[in-house]
Amino acid sequence: MDRIYNRYFKTVGAVWGGCLVVLVLAYVLVIGPQKKLRQQADKELEEKKQMYHAVIKTAQEENRTKLNEQIEQLRNRVNDFITDFEDSANLTFDISQIASDKQVDSFRIKSKEKRRRSAVPEPEYIDENHLTVSFTAGFNQFATFLNALERHRPVVFVDKFTITRSKAENSAHKVSMNLAFFMRKRQEG
């Protein structure tokens, strides 16, 4: 019986040994390289993810910078057309200064009553102010004064003007102008 058991143990040992050799060879030849390939693929995937996030972050910062530049340009354009509430008194002074520089005579400037627009709703942030300007000047003085107003920043709109011809030859004519400009409303708080 010992012989039968010995033979049995040898056969089982040989089968187990063969299976062990096959499993070790399978691990070394098939599973081992796949594990290395998988680790390498995971490493590449992580690098690609980091690169993707870096590109997204950079693109967002570039976009944010571009958008901030555009916002600044638009604010500057708006400032060409709109004066602050606090600077509205300076605007009348600027117009008076232009009149003085252009050497017009009998210059007067006064605020005009605000017009009510019934069909158009009142804007929330911007208000329209009107001024009446009157002076006496020759045609060239009037033209240079008007040109200076058109080039002024913030923009001053000439709604209407009238020129009354002088009865005397080669003397200044009476000019009356209605001016308008946009102003930011005073914000509470």
C-alpha atoms as a PDB file:
ATOM      1  CA  MET A   1       0.000   0.000   0.000  1.00  0.00           C
ATOM      2  CA  ASP A   2       2.788   2.259   0.638  1.00  0.00           C
ATOM      3  CA  ARG A   3       3.696   1.856  -2.963  1.00  0.00           C
ATOM      4  CA  ILE A   4       0.241   2.876  -4.103  1.00  0.00           C
ATOM      5  CA  TYR A   5       0.301   5.889  -1.815  1.00  0.00           C
ATOM      6  CA  ASN A   6       3.765   6.764  -2.947  1.00  0.00           C
ATOM      7  CA  ARG A   7       2.728   6.566  -6.535  1.00  0.00           C
ATOM      8  CA  TYR A   8      -0.407   8.536  -5.826  1.00  0.00           C
ATOM      9  CA  PHE A   9       1.537  11.249  -4.018  1.00  0.00           C
ATOM     10  CA  LYS A  10       4.100  11.388  -6.778  1.00  0.00           C
ATOM     11  CA  THR A  11       1.371  11.749  -9.423  1.00  0.00           C
ATOM     12  CA  VAL A  12      -0.455  14.413  -7.450  1.00  0.00           C
ATOM     13  CA  GLY A  13       2.850  16.183  -6.755  1.00  0.00           C
ATOM     14  CA  ALA A  14       3.784  16.064 -10.425  1.00  0.00           C
ATOM     15  CA  VAL A  15       0.359  17.408 -11.454  1.00  0.00           C
ATOM     16  CA  TRP A  16       0.546  20.120  -8.790  1.00  0.00           C
ATOM     17  CA  GLY A  17       4.113  20.930  -9.774  1.00  0.00           C
ATOM     18  CA  GLY A  18       3.153  21.091 -13.445  1.00  0.00           C
ATOM     19  CA  CYS A  19       0.215  23.354 -12.646  1.00  0.00           C
ATOM     20  CA  LEU A  20       2.469  25.507 -10.516  1.00  0.00           C
ATOM     21  CA  VAL A  21       5.010  25.795 -13.339  1.00  0.00           C
ATOM     22  CA  VAL A  22       2.193  26.634 -15.817  1.00  0.00           C
ATOM     23  CA  LEU A  23       0.779  29.261 -13.423  1.00  0.00           C
ATOM     24  CA  VAL A  24       4.219  30.814 -12.836  1.00  0.00           C
ATOM     25  CA  LEU A  25       4.888  30.872 -16.577  1.00  0.00           C
ATOM     26  CA  ALA A  26       1.418  32.371 -17.232  1.00  0.00           C
ATOM     27  CA  TYR A  27       2.042  35.036 -14.602  1.00  0.00           C
ATOM     28  CA  VAL A  28       5.513  35.835 -15.922  1.00  0.00           C
ATOM     29  CA  LEU A  29       4.545  35.786 -19.604  1.00  0.00           C
ATOM     30  CA  VAL A  30       0.943  37.119 -19.568  1.00  0.00           C
ATOM     31  CA  ILE A  31      -0.135  38.815 -16.345  1.00  0.00           C
ATOM     32  CA  GLY A  32       3.190  40.440 -15.403  1.00  0.00           C
ATOM     33  CA  PRO A  33       3.565  42.432 -18.663  1.00  0.00           C
ATOM     34  CA  GLN A  34      -0.119  43.398 -18.557  1.00  0.00           C
ATOM     35  CA  LYS A  35       0.316  44.714 -15.043  1.00  0.00           C
ATOM     36  CA  LYS A  36       3.297  46.816 -16.187  1.00  0.00           C
ATOM     37  CA  LEU A  37       1.338  48.038 -19.218  1.00  0.00           C
ATOM     38  CA  ARG A  38      -1.601  48.935 -17.013  1.00  0.00           C
ATOM     39  CA  GLN A  39       0.622  50.890 -14.602  1.00  0.00           C
ATOM     40  CA  GLN A  40       2.177  52.705 -17.557  1.00  0.00           C
ATOM     41  CA  ALA A  41      -1.289  53.470 -19.021  1.00  0.00           C
ATOM     42  CA  ASP A  42      -2.493  54.743 -15.607  1.00  0.00           C
ATOM     43  CA  LYS A  43       0.593  56.961 -15.373  1.00  0.00           C
ATOM     44  CA  GLU A  44      -0.016  58.391 -18.886  1.00  0.00           C
ATOM     45  CA  LEU A  45      -3.709  58.902 -18.077  1.00  0.00           C
ATOM     46  CA  GLU A  46      -2.797  60.857 -14.935  1.00  0.00           C
ATOM     47  CA  GLU A  47      -0.336  63.021 -16.906  1.00  0.00           C
ATOM     48  CA  LYS A  48      -3.003  63.693 -19.568  1.00  0.00           C
ATOM     49  CA  LYS A  49      -5.531  64.616 -16.860  1.00  0.00           C
ATOM     50  CA  GLN A  50      -3.067  67.059 -15.295  1.00  0.00           C
ATOM     51  CA  MET A  51      -2.306  68.549 -18.707  1.00  0.00           C
ATOM     52  CA  TYR A  52      -6.052  68.828 -19.463  1.00  0.00           C
ATOM     53  CA  HIS A  53      -6.739  70.621 -16.174  1.00  0.00           C
ATOM     54  CA  ALA A  54      -3.766  72.933 -16.751  1.00  0.00           C
ATOM     55  CA  VAL A  55      -5.031  73.788 -20.255  1.00  0.00           C
ATOM     56  CA  ILE A  56      -8.547  74.409 -18.930  1.00  0.00           C
ATOM     57  CA  LYS A  57      -7.196  76.640 -16.163  1.00  0.00           C
ATOM     58  CA  THR A  58      -4.969  78.548 -18.577  1.00  0.00           C
ATOM     59  CA  ALA A  59      -7.790  78.969 -21.065  1.00  0.00           C
ATOM     60  CA  GLN A  60     -10.049  80.265 -18.316  1.00  0.00           C
ATOM     61  CA  GLU A  61      -7.396  82.743 -17.148  1.00  0.00           C
ATOM     62  CA  GLU A  62      -6.773  83.887 -20.730  1.00  0.00           C
ATOM     63  CA  ASN A  63     -10.494  84.246 -21.299  1.00  0.00           C
ATOM     64  CA  ARG A  64     -10.873  86.081 -18.030  1.00  0.00           C
ATOM     65  CA  THR A  65      -8.029  88.428 -18.969  1.00  0.00           C
ATOM     66  CA  LYS A  66      -9.499  89.054 -22.421  1.00  0.00           C
ATOM     67  CA  LEU A  67     -12.948  89.639 -20.961  1.00  0.00           C
ATOM     68  CA  ASN A  68     -11.533  92.045 -18.373  1.00  0.00           C
ATOM     69  CA  GLU A  69      -9.750  93.951 -21.149  1.00  0.00           C
ATOM     70  CA  GLN A  70     -12.976  94.117 -23.160  1.00  0.00           C
ATOM     71  CA  ILE A  71     -14.885  95.324 -20.095  1.00  0.00           C
ATOM     72  CA  GLU A  72     -12.289  98.042 -19.531  1.00  0.00           C
ATOM     73  CA  GLN A  73     -12.507  99.140 -23.176  1.00  0.00           C
ATOM     74  CA  LEU A  74     -16.309  99.267 -22.972  1.00  0.00           C
ATOM     75  CA  ARG A  75     -16.144 101.272 -19.748  1.00  0.00           C
ATOM     76  CA  ASN A  76     -13.834 103.754 -21.450  1.00  0.00           C
ATOM     77  CA  ARG A  77     -16.253 104.025 -24.373  1.00  0.00           C
ATOM     78  CA  VAL A  78     -19.147 104.574 -21.968  1.00  0.00           C
ATOM     79  CA  ASN A  79     -17.107 107.248 -20.182  1.00  0.00           C
ATOM     80  CA  ASP A  80     -16.816 109.027 -23.531  1.00  0.00           C
ATOM     81  CA  PHE A  81     -20.593 109.487 -23.511  1.00  0.00           C
ATOM     82  CA  ILE A  82     -21.553 109.644 -19.837  1.00  0.00           C
ATOM     83  CA  THR A  83     -20.346 111.906 -17.063  1.00  0.00           C
ATOM     84  CA  ASP A  84     -20.525 111.092 -13.362  1.00  0.00           C
ATOM     85  CA  PHE A  85     -23.063 112.878 -11.201  1.00  0.00           C
ATOM     86  CA  GLU A  86     -20.298 114.624  -9.279  1.00  0.00           C
ATOM     87  CA  ASP A  87     -18.641 115.837 -12.499  1.00  0.00           C
ATOM     88  CA  SER A  88     -21.767 117.412 -14.025  1.00  0.00           C
ATOM     89  CA  ALA A  89     -20.892 120.805 -12.510  1.00  0.00           C
ATOM     90  CA  ASN A  90     -17.439 120.496 -14.065  1.00  0.00           C
ATOM     91  CA  LEU A  91     -19.071 119.974 -17.448  1.00  0.00           C
ATOM     92  CA  THR A  92     -20.779 123.377 -17.311  1.00  0.00           C
ATOM     93  CA  PHE A  93     -17.431 124.853 -16.282  1.00  0.00           C
ATOM     94  CA  ASP A  94     -15.756 123.074 -19.234  1.00  0.00           C
ATOM     95  CA  ILE A  95     -18.329 124.514 -21.644  1.00  0.00           C
ATOM     96  CA  SER A  96     -17.766 127.983 -20.182  1.00  0.00           C
ATOM     97  CA  GLN A  97     -14.008 127.473 -20.570  1.00  0.00           C
ATOM     98  CA  ILE A  98     -14.463 126.475 -24.224  1.00  0.00           C
ATOM     99  CA  ALA A  99     -16.528 129.639 -24.792  1.00  0.00           C
ATOM    100  CA  SER A 100     -13.809 131.721 -23.173  1.00  0.00           C
ATOM    101  CA  ASP A 101     -11.120 130.048 -25.290  1.00  0.00           C
ATOM    102  CA  LYS A 102     -13.100 130.697 -28.469  1.00  0.00           C
ATOM    103  CA  GLN A 103     -13.626 134.308 -27.383  1.00  0.00           C
ATOM    104  CA  VAL A 104     -17.394 134.460 -27.699  1.00  0.00           C
ATOM    105  CA  ASP A 105     -19.124 137.458 -26.117  1.00  0.00           C
ATOM    106  CA  SER A 106     -22.035 137.697 -23.663  1.00  0.00           C
ATOM    107  CA  PHE A 107     -21.804 134.010 -22.810  1.00  0.00           C
ATOM    108  CA  ARG A 108     -24.566 132.641 -20.548  1.00  0.00           C
ATOM    109  CA  ILE A 109     -25.295 129.085 -19.556  1.00  0.00           C
ATOM    110  CA  LYS A 110     -28.179 127.769 -17.496  1.00  0.00           C
ATOM    111  CA  SER A 111     -29.805 124.462 -16.706  1.00  0.00           C
ATOM    112  CA  LYS A 112     -32.995 123.605 -18.461  1.00  0.00           C
ATOM    113  CA  GLU A 113     -35.983 121.858 -16.929  1.00  0.00           C
ATOM    114  CA  LYS A 114     -35.873 118.116 -17.441  1.00  0.00           C
ATOM    115  CA  ARG A 115     -38.162 116.846 -20.184  1.00  0.00           C
ATOM    116  CA  ARG A 116     -40.514 114.016 -19.329  1.00  0.00           C
ATOM    117  CA  ARG A 117     -40.757 111.176 -21.787  1.00  0.00           C
ATOM    118  CA  SER A 118     -44.054 109.425 -21.332  1.00  0.00           C
ATOM    119  CA  ALA A 119     -43.676 106.685 -23.969  1.00  0.00           C
ATOM    120  CA  VAL A 120     -40.174 105.636 -22.943  1.00  0.00           C
ATOM    121  CA  PRO A 121     -39.579 104.221 -19.448  1.00  0.00           C
ATOM    122  CA  GLU A 122     -37.102 106.127 -17.311  1.00  0.00           C
ATOM    123  CA  PRO A 123     -33.624 104.582 -17.355  1.00  0.00           C
ATOM    124  CA  GLU A 124     -32.394 103.110 -14.095  1.00  0.00           C
ATOM    125  CA  TYR A 125     -28.771 104.302 -14.105  1.00  0.00           C
ATOM    126  CA  ILE A 126     -28.512 107.160 -16.613  1.00  0.00           C
ATOM    127  CA  ASP A 127     -30.162 110.544 -16.697  1.00  0.00           C
ATOM    128  CA  GLU A 128     -30.300 113.109 -19.497  1.00  0.00           C
ATOM    129  CA  ASN A 129     -29.565 116.716 -18.572  1.00  0.00           C
ATOM    130  CA  HIS A 130     -30.147 119.808 -20.695  1.00  0.00           C
ATOM    131  CA  LEU A 131     -28.428 123.177 -20.800  1.00  0.00           C
ATOM    132  CA  THR A 132     -29.254 126.375 -22.628  1.00  0.00           C
ATOM    133  CA  VAL A 133     -26.314 128.376 -23.894  1.00  0.00           C
ATOM    134  CA  SER A 134     -26.525 131.829 -25.417  1.00  0.00           C
ATOM    135  CA  PHE A 135     -23.788 134.118 -26.685  1.00  0.00           C
ATOM    136  CA  THR A 136     -22.863 136.517 -29.434  1.00  0.00           C
ATOM    137  CA  ALA A 137     -20.211 135.608 -31.951  1.00  0.00           C
ATOM    138  CA  GLY A 138     -19.195 135.775 -35.567  1.00  0.00           C
ATOM    139  CA  PHE A 139     -19.794 132.772 -37.784  1.00  0.00           C
ATOM    140  CA  ASN A 140     -16.196 131.516 -37.496  1.00  0.00           C
ATOM    141  CA  GLN A 141     -16.274 131.819 -33.709  1.00  0.00           C
ATOM    142  CA  PHE A 142     -19.582 129.935 -33.649  1.00  0.00           C
ATOM    143  CA  ALA A 143     -18.170 127.188 -35.903  1.00  0.00           C
ATOM    144  CA  THR A 144     -15.042 126.727 -33.754  1.00  0.00           C
ATOM    145  CA  PHE A 145     -17.164 126.719 -30.573  1.00  0.00           C
ATOM    146  CA  LEU A 146     -19.490 124.068 -32.069  1.00  0.00           C
ATOM    147  CA  ASN A 147     -16.515 122.007 -33.233  1.00  0.00           C
ATOM    148  CA  ALA A 148     -14.963 122.140 -29.751  1.00  0.00           C
ATOM    149  CA  LEU A 149     -18.265 121.002 -28.218  1.00  0.00           C
ATOM    150  CA  GLU A 150     -18.456 118.085 -30.640  1.00  0.00           C
ATOM    151  CA  ARG A 151     -14.942 116.964 -29.698  1.00  0.00           C
ATOM    152  CA  HIS A 152     -15.512 117.297 -25.944  1.00  0.00           C
ATOM    153  CA  ARG A 153     -15.366 114.190 -23.766  1.00  0.00           C
ATOM    154  CA  PRO A 154     -17.843 113.281 -22.364  1.00  0.00           C
ATOM    155  CA  VAL A 155     -19.893 113.959 -25.456  1.00  0.00           C
ATOM    156  CA  VAL A 156     -22.162 117.013 -25.442  1.00  0.00           C
ATOM    157  CA  PHE A 157     -25.066 116.762 -27.886  1.00  0.00           C
ATOM    158  CA  VAL A 158     -26.346 119.879 -29.620  1.00  0.00           C
ATOM    159  CA  ASP A 159     -30.134 119.401 -29.719  1.00  0.00           C
ATOM    160  CA  LYS A 160     -30.963 122.637 -31.418  1.00  0.00           C
ATOM    161  CA  PHE A 161     -29.441 126.002 -32.166  1.00  0.00           C
ATOM    162  CA  THR A 162     -30.649 129.268 -33.586  1.00  0.00           C
ATOM    163  CA  ILE A 163     -28.635 132.141 -34.972  1.00  0.00           C
ATOM    164  CA  THR A 164     -30.209 135.585 -35.097  1.00  0.00           C
ATOM    165  CA  ARG A 165     -28.535 137.758 -37.646  1.00  0.00           C
ATOM    166  CA  SER A 166     -27.201 141.059 -36.430  1.00  0.00           C
ATOM    167  CA  LYS A 167     -28.686 144.222 -37.952  1.00  0.00           C
ATOM    168  CA  ALA A 168     -25.324 145.934 -38.019  1.00  0.00           C
ATOM    169  CA  GLU A 169     -22.831 145.027 -40.725  1.00  0.00           C
ATOM    170  CA  ASN A 170     -19.736 142.998 -39.581  1.00  0.00           C
ATOM    171  CA  SER A 171     -20.943 142.541 -36.015  1.00  0.00           C
ATOM    172  CA  ALA A 172     -21.519 139.430 -33.930  1.00  0.00           C
ATOM    173  CA  HIS A 173     -24.759 137.455 -34.223  1.00  0.00           C
ATOM    174  CA  LYS A 174     -26.861 136.170 -31.320  1.00  0.00           C
ATOM    175  CA  VAL A 175     -26.667 132.409 -30.910  1.00  0.00           C
ATOM    176  CA  SER A 176     -28.848 130.230 -28.715  1.00  0.00           C
ATOM    177  CA  MET A 177     -28.133 126.521 -28.272  1.00  0.00           C
ATOM    178  CA  ASN A 178     -29.871 123.676 -26.481  1.00  0.00           C
ATOM    179  CA  LEU A 179     -27.317 121.143 -25.284  1.00  0.00           C
ATOM    180  CA  ALA A 180     -27.836 117.688 -23.812  1.00  0.00           C
ATOM    181  CA  PHE A 181     -25.514 115.277 -22.031  1.00  0.00           C
ATOM    182  CA  PHE A 182     -25.833 111.963 -20.242  1.00  0.00           C
ATOM    183  CA  MET A 183     -25.056 111.639 -16.575  1.00  0.00           C
ATOM    184  CA  ARG A 184     -24.942 108.677 -14.201  1.00  0.00           C
ATOM    185  CA  LYS A 185     -27.651 108.876 -11.595  1.00  0.00           C
ATOM    186  CA  ARG A 186     -26.635 109.270  -7.996  1.00  0.00           C
ATOM    187  CA  GLN A 187     -26.614 105.836  -6.394  1.00  0.00           C
ATOM    188  CA  GLU A 188     -27.912 105.397  -2.892  1.00  0.00           C
ATOM    189  CA  GLY A 189     -25.492 103.757  -0.515  1.00  0.00           C
END
